[in-house]
């Protein structure tokens, strides 16, 4: 059996990228076929702390390309730090102690509370452009 890689974080808050122009959380625009960001948003907006990062990233990137979960995670995959939700659309990602994720819009009290929470790991989404 090949080693399966994971994208899950635990007790972590992923802030929006420091070069993001977002001042509030917004839904990715509707397109057909759906974009990865659209799928991620739809899975998380109504079901906070229901899915792990692996669940969401597999459905939005692997399943839609026809890959099995084992095929998809047989090699390392980009984590939520590279998601357009964090880079472009203004959503921070909170990962709880079980690795379940929820999104919080930048500029809200919940986002600010998570950003200031010293009991969880704080990381930033990856910039869209180089410094």
N, C-alpha and C. Protein backbone atom coordinates (compact mmCIF):
# COMPACT_ATOMS: atom_id res chain seq x y z
N UNK A 1 0.85 -1.19 0.00
CA UNK A 1 0.00 0.00 0.00
C UNK A 1 0.88 1.24 0.00
N UNK A 2 0.59 2.15 -0.89
CA UNK A 2 1.32 3.41 -0.94
C UNK A 2 0.91 4.31 0.22
N UNK A 3 1.84 5.16 0.64
CA UNK A 3 1.54 6.13 1.68
C UNK A 3 0.57 7.16 1.13
N UNK A 4 -0.48 7.46 1.88
CA UNK A 4 -1.42 8.49 1.48
C UNK A 4 -1.05 9.80 2.18
N UNK A 5 -1.00 10.86 1.40
CA UNK A 5 -0.67 12.18 1.93
C UNK A 5 -1.95 12.84 2.44
N UNK A 6 -1.81 13.85 3.29
CA UNK A 6 -2.98 14.55 3.82
C UNK A 6 -2.79 16.05 3.72
N UNK A 7 -3.90 16.76 3.66
CA UNK A 7 -3.89 18.22 3.67
C UNK A 7 -4.48 18.75 4.97
N UNK A 8 -4.84 17.85 5.89
CA UNK A 8 -5.53 18.25 7.11
C UNK A 8 -4.63 19.02 8.06
N UNK A 9 -5.19 20.07 8.64
CA UNK A 9 -4.58 20.81 9.75
C UNK A 9 -5.48 20.59 10.96
N UNK A 10 -4.90 20.79 12.15
CA UNK A 10 -5.63 20.65 13.40
C UNK A 10 -5.39 21.88 14.25
N UNK A 11 -6.45 22.36 14.91
CA UNK A 11 -6.33 23.55 15.77
C UNK A 11 -5.57 24.67 15.09
N UNK A 12 -6.02 25.01 13.89
CA UNK A 12 -5.30 25.98 13.06
C UNK A 12 -6.28 26.94 12.41
N UNK A 13 -5.84 28.20 12.27
CA UNK A 13 -6.62 29.18 11.51
C UNK A 13 -5.75 29.66 10.34
N UNK A 14 -6.31 29.54 9.14
CA UNK A 14 -5.63 30.01 7.93
C UNK A 14 -6.24 31.36 7.56
N UNK A 15 -5.45 32.42 7.73
CA UNK A 15 -5.91 33.77 7.39
C UNK A 15 -5.86 33.97 5.88
N UNK A 16 -6.61 34.96 5.40
CA UNK A 16 -6.54 35.27 3.98
C UNK A 16 -5.11 35.73 3.65
N UNK A 17 -4.73 35.59 2.40
CA UNK A 17 -3.39 35.98 1.96
C UNK A 17 -3.17 37.47 2.21
N UNK A 18 -1.94 37.83 2.55
CA UNK A 18 -1.68 39.24 2.87
C UNK A 18 -1.75 40.14 1.64
N UNK A 19 -1.78 39.58 0.43
CA UNK A 19 -1.95 40.41 -0.76
C UNK A 19 -3.36 40.32 -1.34
N UNK A 20 -4.27 39.71 -0.58
CA UNK A 20 -5.67 39.62 -1.03
C UNK A 20 -6.30 41.00 -1.02
N UNK A 21 -7.10 41.30 -2.02
CA UNK A 21 -7.81 42.57 -2.08
C UNK A 21 -9.19 42.48 -1.42
N UNK A 22 -9.56 41.30 -0.95
CA UNK A 22 -10.88 41.10 -0.34
C UNK A 22 -11.01 41.86 0.97
N UNK A 23 -12.14 42.54 1.14
CA UNK A 23 -12.45 43.23 2.39
C UNK A 23 -13.62 42.57 3.10
N UNK A 24 -14.24 41.60 2.42
CA UNK A 24 -15.33 40.81 2.99
C UNK A 24 -15.36 39.47 2.26
N UNK A 25 -16.04 38.49 2.86
CA UNK A 25 -16.17 37.20 2.20
C UNK A 25 -17.22 37.28 1.12
N UNK A 26 -16.91 36.70 -0.03
CA UNK A 26 -17.89 36.66 -1.12
C UNK A 26 -17.89 35.28 -1.75
N UNK A 27 -19.03 34.93 -2.32
CA UNK A 27 -19.16 33.63 -2.99
C UNK A 27 -18.43 33.70 -4.33
N UNK A 28 -17.71 32.63 -4.69
CA UNK A 28 -17.11 32.59 -6.03
C UNK A 28 -18.22 32.66 -7.08
N UNK A 29 -17.95 33.30 -8.22
CA UNK A 29 -18.99 33.40 -9.25
C UNK A 29 -19.39 32.03 -9.78
N UNK A 30 -20.68 31.89 -10.11
CA UNK A 30 -21.20 30.63 -10.64
C UNK A 30 -20.68 30.42 -12.06
N UNK A 31 -20.15 29.24 -12.31
CA UNK A 31 -19.66 28.85 -13.63
C UNK A 31 -20.03 27.40 -13.86
N UNK A 32 -20.04 27.01 -15.11
CA UNK A 32 -20.23 25.60 -15.47
C UNK A 32 -19.11 25.20 -16.41
N UNK A 33 -18.39 24.14 -16.17
CA UNK A 33 -18.50 23.34 -14.94
C UNK A 33 -18.02 24.15 -13.73
N UNK A 34 -18.45 23.73 -12.56
CA UNK A 34 -18.11 24.44 -11.33
C UNK A 34 -16.60 24.47 -11.12
N UNK A 35 -16.12 25.59 -10.58
CA UNK A 35 -14.71 25.73 -10.25
C UNK A 35 -14.44 25.05 -8.91
N UNK A 36 -13.17 24.80 -8.62
CA UNK A 36 -12.80 24.22 -7.33
C UNK A 36 -13.27 25.12 -6.19
N UNK A 37 -13.10 26.45 -6.34
CA UNK A 37 -13.51 27.38 -5.29
C UNK A 37 -15.02 27.33 -5.07
N UNK A 38 -15.79 27.22 -6.14
CA UNK A 38 -17.25 27.10 -6.03
C UNK A 38 -17.64 25.86 -5.23
N UNK A 39 -17.03 24.74 -5.56
CA UNK A 39 -17.34 23.47 -4.88
C UNK A 39 -16.97 23.58 -3.40
N UNK A 40 -15.79 24.12 -3.11
CA UNK A 40 -15.35 24.27 -1.72
C UNK A 40 -16.32 25.16 -0.94
N UNK A 41 -16.68 26.29 -1.53
CA UNK A 41 -17.60 27.23 -0.89
C UNK A 41 -18.93 26.55 -0.60
N UNK A 42 -19.50 25.88 -1.59
CA UNK A 42 -20.81 25.23 -1.42
C UNK A 42 -20.77 24.14 -0.35
N UNK A 43 -19.66 23.40 -0.27
CA UNK A 43 -19.55 22.36 0.75
C UNK A 43 -19.46 22.95 2.16
N UNK A 44 -18.78 24.09 2.29
CA UNK A 44 -18.48 24.62 3.62
C UNK A 44 -19.45 25.67 4.14
N UNK A 45 -20.11 26.42 3.26
CA UNK A 45 -20.94 27.53 3.73
C UNK A 45 -22.13 27.03 4.57
N UNK A 46 -22.71 25.92 4.20
CA UNK A 46 -23.87 25.41 4.94
C UNK A 46 -23.55 24.23 5.86
N UNK A 47 -22.32 23.76 5.86
CA UNK A 47 -21.95 22.59 6.68
C UNK A 47 -20.63 22.82 7.42
N UNK A 48 -20.58 23.84 8.29
CA UNK A 48 -19.34 24.07 9.02
C UNK A 48 -18.99 22.88 9.92
N UNK A 49 -17.72 22.56 9.95
CA UNK A 49 -17.17 21.49 10.79
C UNK A 49 -17.78 20.12 10.49
N UNK A 50 -18.21 19.91 9.26
CA UNK A 50 -18.73 18.62 8.83
C UNK A 50 -17.67 17.83 8.06
N UNK A 51 -16.84 18.53 7.29
CA UNK A 51 -15.84 17.90 6.43
C UNK A 51 -14.43 18.22 6.91
N UNK A 52 -13.49 17.32 6.58
CA UNK A 52 -12.07 17.64 6.77
C UNK A 52 -11.57 18.33 5.51
N UNK A 53 -10.40 18.90 5.60
CA UNK A 53 -9.76 19.50 4.43
C UNK A 53 -9.60 18.46 3.34
N UNK A 54 -9.17 17.26 3.70
CA UNK A 54 -9.01 16.19 2.70
C UNK A 54 -10.32 15.92 1.97
N UNK A 55 -11.44 15.89 2.71
CA UNK A 55 -12.75 15.64 2.09
C UNK A 55 -13.06 16.70 1.04
N UNK A 56 -12.92 17.96 1.42
CA UNK A 56 -13.28 19.07 0.55
C UNK A 56 -12.34 19.16 -0.65
N UNK A 57 -11.05 19.04 -0.40
CA UNK A 57 -10.09 19.16 -1.50
C UNK A 57 -10.18 17.98 -2.46
N UNK A 58 -10.51 16.80 -1.95
CA UNK A 58 -10.70 15.66 -2.85
C UNK A 58 -11.92 15.89 -3.76
N UNK A 59 -13.05 16.27 -3.19
CA UNK A 59 -14.25 16.48 -4.01
C UNK A 59 -14.02 17.60 -5.03
N UNK A 60 -13.38 18.69 -4.59
CA UNK A 60 -13.22 19.86 -5.48
C UNK A 60 -12.10 19.71 -6.50
N UNK A 61 -11.15 18.83 -6.26
CA UNK A 61 -10.01 18.72 -7.18
C UNK A 61 -9.78 17.31 -7.73
N UNK A 62 -10.04 16.29 -6.95
CA UNK A 62 -9.78 14.92 -7.40
C UNK A 62 -10.99 14.25 -8.02
N UNK A 63 -12.09 14.26 -7.28
CA UNK A 63 -13.30 13.59 -7.75
C UNK A 63 -13.79 14.19 -9.07
N UNK A 64 -13.74 15.51 -9.19
CA UNK A 64 -14.23 16.14 -10.42
C UNK A 64 -13.34 15.84 -11.62
N UNK A 65 -12.12 15.37 -11.35
CA UNK A 65 -11.22 14.95 -12.44
C UNK A 65 -11.26 13.44 -12.65
N UNK A 66 -12.15 12.76 -11.93
CA UNK A 66 -12.32 11.32 -12.12
C UNK A 66 -11.31 10.45 -11.40
N UNK A 67 -10.60 11.01 -10.42
CA UNK A 67 -9.60 10.24 -9.67
C UNK A 67 -10.24 9.61 -8.43
N UNK A 68 -9.77 8.42 -8.06
CA UNK A 68 -10.19 7.84 -6.79
C UNK A 68 -9.49 8.61 -5.67
N UNK A 69 -10.03 8.51 -4.48
CA UNK A 69 -9.41 9.18 -3.32
C UNK A 69 -7.97 8.69 -3.13
N UNK A 70 -7.76 7.37 -3.31
CA UNK A 70 -6.42 6.80 -3.14
C UNK A 70 -5.46 7.36 -4.19
N UNK A 71 -5.91 7.45 -5.45
CA UNK A 71 -5.07 8.02 -6.51
C UNK A 71 -4.72 9.48 -6.18
N UNK A 72 -5.73 10.23 -5.77
CA UNK A 72 -5.54 11.66 -5.51
C UNK A 72 -4.54 11.90 -4.39
N UNK A 73 -4.65 11.14 -3.29
CA UNK A 73 -3.77 11.36 -2.15
C UNK A 73 -2.51 10.49 -2.17
N UNK A 74 -2.26 9.78 -3.28
CA UNK A 74 -1.03 8.99 -3.38
C UNK A 74 0.19 9.91 -3.54
N UNK A 75 -0.06 11.16 -3.91
CA UNK A 75 1.03 12.15 -3.93
C UNK A 75 0.55 13.40 -3.20
N UNK A 76 1.47 14.22 -2.79
CA UNK A 76 1.11 15.42 -2.04
C UNK A 76 0.22 16.34 -2.86
N UNK A 77 -0.74 16.97 -2.19
CA UNK A 77 -1.67 17.89 -2.83
C UNK A 77 -1.58 19.26 -2.16
N UNK A 78 -1.85 20.33 -2.91
CA UNK A 78 -1.89 21.66 -2.28
C UNK A 78 -2.98 21.72 -1.22
N UNK A 79 -2.69 22.39 -0.12
CA UNK A 79 -3.65 22.49 0.98
C UNK A 79 -4.50 23.75 0.80
N UNK A 80 -5.36 24.02 1.78
CA UNK A 80 -6.24 25.18 1.71
C UNK A 80 -5.49 26.50 1.67
N UNK A 81 -4.21 26.53 2.02
CA UNK A 81 -3.44 27.78 1.95
C UNK A 81 -3.34 28.29 0.51
N UNK A 82 -3.59 27.40 -0.47
CA UNK A 82 -3.53 27.81 -1.88
C UNK A 82 -4.92 28.03 -2.48
N UNK A 83 -5.97 27.83 -1.70
CA UNK A 83 -7.35 27.94 -2.21
C UNK A 83 -7.70 29.38 -2.57
N UNK A 84 -8.45 29.53 -3.65
CA UNK A 84 -8.95 30.85 -4.04
C UNK A 84 -9.87 31.42 -2.96
N UNK A 85 -10.48 30.56 -2.13
CA UNK A 85 -11.32 31.09 -1.04
C UNK A 85 -10.49 31.99 -0.13
N UNK A 86 -9.25 31.59 0.14
CA UNK A 86 -8.37 32.35 1.03
C UNK A 86 -7.59 33.45 0.30
N UNK A 87 -7.36 33.24 -0.97
CA UNK A 87 -6.52 34.18 -1.72
C UNK A 87 -7.33 35.29 -2.39
N UNK A 88 -8.52 34.98 -2.85
CA UNK A 88 -9.28 35.92 -3.67
C UNK A 88 -10.64 36.31 -3.07
N UNK A 89 -11.31 35.37 -2.41
CA UNK A 89 -12.70 35.60 -2.02
C UNK A 89 -12.93 35.98 -0.56
N UNK A 90 -11.85 36.13 0.22
CA UNK A 90 -11.97 36.69 1.57
C UNK A 90 -12.43 35.75 2.67
N UNK A 91 -12.09 34.47 2.56
CA UNK A 91 -12.51 33.50 3.58
C UNK A 91 -11.31 32.93 4.33
N UNK A 92 -11.36 33.03 5.66
CA UNK A 92 -10.40 32.34 6.50
C UNK A 92 -10.93 30.93 6.77
N UNK A 93 -10.01 29.99 6.99
CA UNK A 93 -10.38 28.60 7.23
C UNK A 93 -9.97 28.22 8.65
N UNK A 94 -10.94 27.79 9.44
CA UNK A 94 -10.62 27.28 10.78
C UNK A 94 -10.70 25.76 10.76
N UNK A 95 -9.64 25.13 11.27
CA UNK A 95 -9.58 23.67 11.39
C UNK A 95 -9.63 23.35 12.88
N UNK A 96 -10.62 22.56 13.29
CA UNK A 96 -10.77 22.26 14.71
C UNK A 96 -9.86 21.11 15.15
N UNK A 97 -10.03 20.65 16.38
CA UNK A 97 -9.15 19.60 16.93
C UNK A 97 -9.32 18.26 16.23
N UNK A 98 -10.41 18.07 15.48
CA UNK A 98 -10.61 16.83 14.72
C UNK A 98 -10.24 16.99 13.25
N UNK A 99 -9.76 18.18 12.87
CA UNK A 99 -9.41 18.44 11.47
C UNK A 99 -10.60 18.84 10.62
N UNK A 100 -11.76 19.07 11.25
CA UNK A 100 -12.95 19.50 10.51
C UNK A 100 -12.84 21.01 10.27
N UNK A 101 -13.32 21.46 9.10
CA UNK A 101 -13.10 22.84 8.70
C UNK A 101 -14.39 23.64 8.57
N UNK A 102 -14.24 24.96 8.76
CA UNK A 102 -15.32 25.92 8.57
C UNK A 102 -14.70 27.19 7.99
N UNK A 103 -15.51 27.95 7.25
CA UNK A 103 -15.01 29.20 6.68
C UNK A 103 -15.62 30.39 7.41
N UNK A 104 -14.81 31.46 7.52
CA UNK A 104 -15.23 32.69 8.18
C UNK A 104 -14.81 33.87 7.32
N UNK A 105 -15.74 34.78 7.08
CA UNK A 105 -15.48 35.93 6.22
C UNK A 105 -14.58 36.94 6.92
N UNK A 106 -13.59 37.45 6.17
CA UNK A 106 -12.73 38.50 6.69
C UNK A 106 -13.61 39.71 7.04
N UNK A 107 -13.23 40.41 8.10
CA UNK A 107 -13.98 41.59 8.51
C UNK A 107 -15.11 41.31 9.47
N UNK A 108 -15.34 40.01 9.80
CA UNK A 108 -16.39 39.68 10.76
C UNK A 108 -15.78 39.48 12.15
N UNK A 109 -16.62 39.56 13.15
CA UNK A 109 -16.16 39.35 14.53
C UNK A 109 -15.59 37.95 14.71
N UNK A 110 -16.23 36.95 14.10
CA UNK A 110 -15.74 35.57 14.23
C UNK A 110 -14.34 35.43 13.63
N UNK A 111 -14.12 36.01 12.46
CA UNK A 111 -12.80 35.97 11.82
C UNK A 111 -11.77 36.62 12.73
N UNK A 112 -12.09 37.81 13.22
CA UNK A 112 -11.15 38.54 14.09
C UNK A 112 -10.86 37.77 15.38
N UNK A 113 -11.88 37.13 15.95
CA UNK A 113 -11.68 36.34 17.17
C UNK A 113 -10.72 35.18 16.90
N UNK A 114 -10.92 34.49 15.78
CA UNK A 114 -10.03 33.37 15.44
C UNK A 114 -8.61 33.85 15.18
N UNK A 115 -8.48 34.98 14.51
CA UNK A 115 -7.16 35.54 14.20
C UNK A 115 -6.39 35.91 15.48
N UNK A 116 -7.11 36.30 16.52
CA UNK A 116 -6.48 36.70 17.79
C UNK A 116 -6.33 35.55 18.78
N UNK A 117 -6.89 34.39 18.46
CA UNK A 117 -6.90 33.26 19.40
C UNK A 117 -5.50 32.67 19.53
N UNK A 118 -4.89 32.90 20.68
CA UNK A 118 -3.53 32.42 20.91
C UNK A 118 -3.43 30.93 21.20
N UNK A 119 -4.57 30.24 21.30
CA UNK A 119 -4.54 28.81 21.61
C UNK A 119 -4.51 27.95 20.35
N UNK A 120 -4.66 28.58 19.17
CA UNK A 120 -4.61 27.82 17.92
C UNK A 120 -3.48 28.35 17.04
N UNK A 121 -2.97 27.48 16.20
CA UNK A 121 -1.88 27.85 15.30
C UNK A 121 -2.41 28.84 14.26
N UNK A 122 -1.64 29.87 13.99
CA UNK A 122 -2.01 30.90 13.02
C UNK A 122 -1.08 30.80 11.80
N UNK A 123 -1.67 30.59 10.63
CA UNK A 123 -0.89 30.59 9.40
C UNK A 123 -1.62 31.43 8.36
N UNK A 124 -0.92 31.82 7.35
CA UNK A 124 -1.49 32.69 6.33
C UNK A 124 -1.58 31.94 5.01
N UNK A 125 -2.62 32.25 4.24
CA UNK A 125 -2.73 31.70 2.89
C UNK A 125 -1.54 32.20 2.07
N UNK A 126 -1.21 31.46 1.05
CA UNK A 126 -0.07 31.81 0.20
C UNK A 126 -0.43 32.98 -0.71
N UNK A 127 0.49 33.91 -0.80
CA UNK A 127 0.30 35.09 -1.64
C UNK A 127 0.07 34.68 -3.10
N UNK A 128 -0.68 35.52 -3.81
CA UNK A 128 -0.90 35.30 -5.24
C UNK A 128 0.29 35.78 -6.05
N UNK A 129 0.99 36.79 -5.54
CA UNK A 129 2.14 37.33 -6.27
C UNK A 129 3.35 37.36 -5.36
N UNK A 130 4.51 37.40 -5.99
CA UNK A 130 5.75 37.48 -5.20
C UNK A 130 5.93 38.87 -4.68
N UNK A 131 6.64 38.96 -3.55
CA UNK A 131 6.95 40.28 -2.98
C UNK A 131 7.96 41.01 -3.83
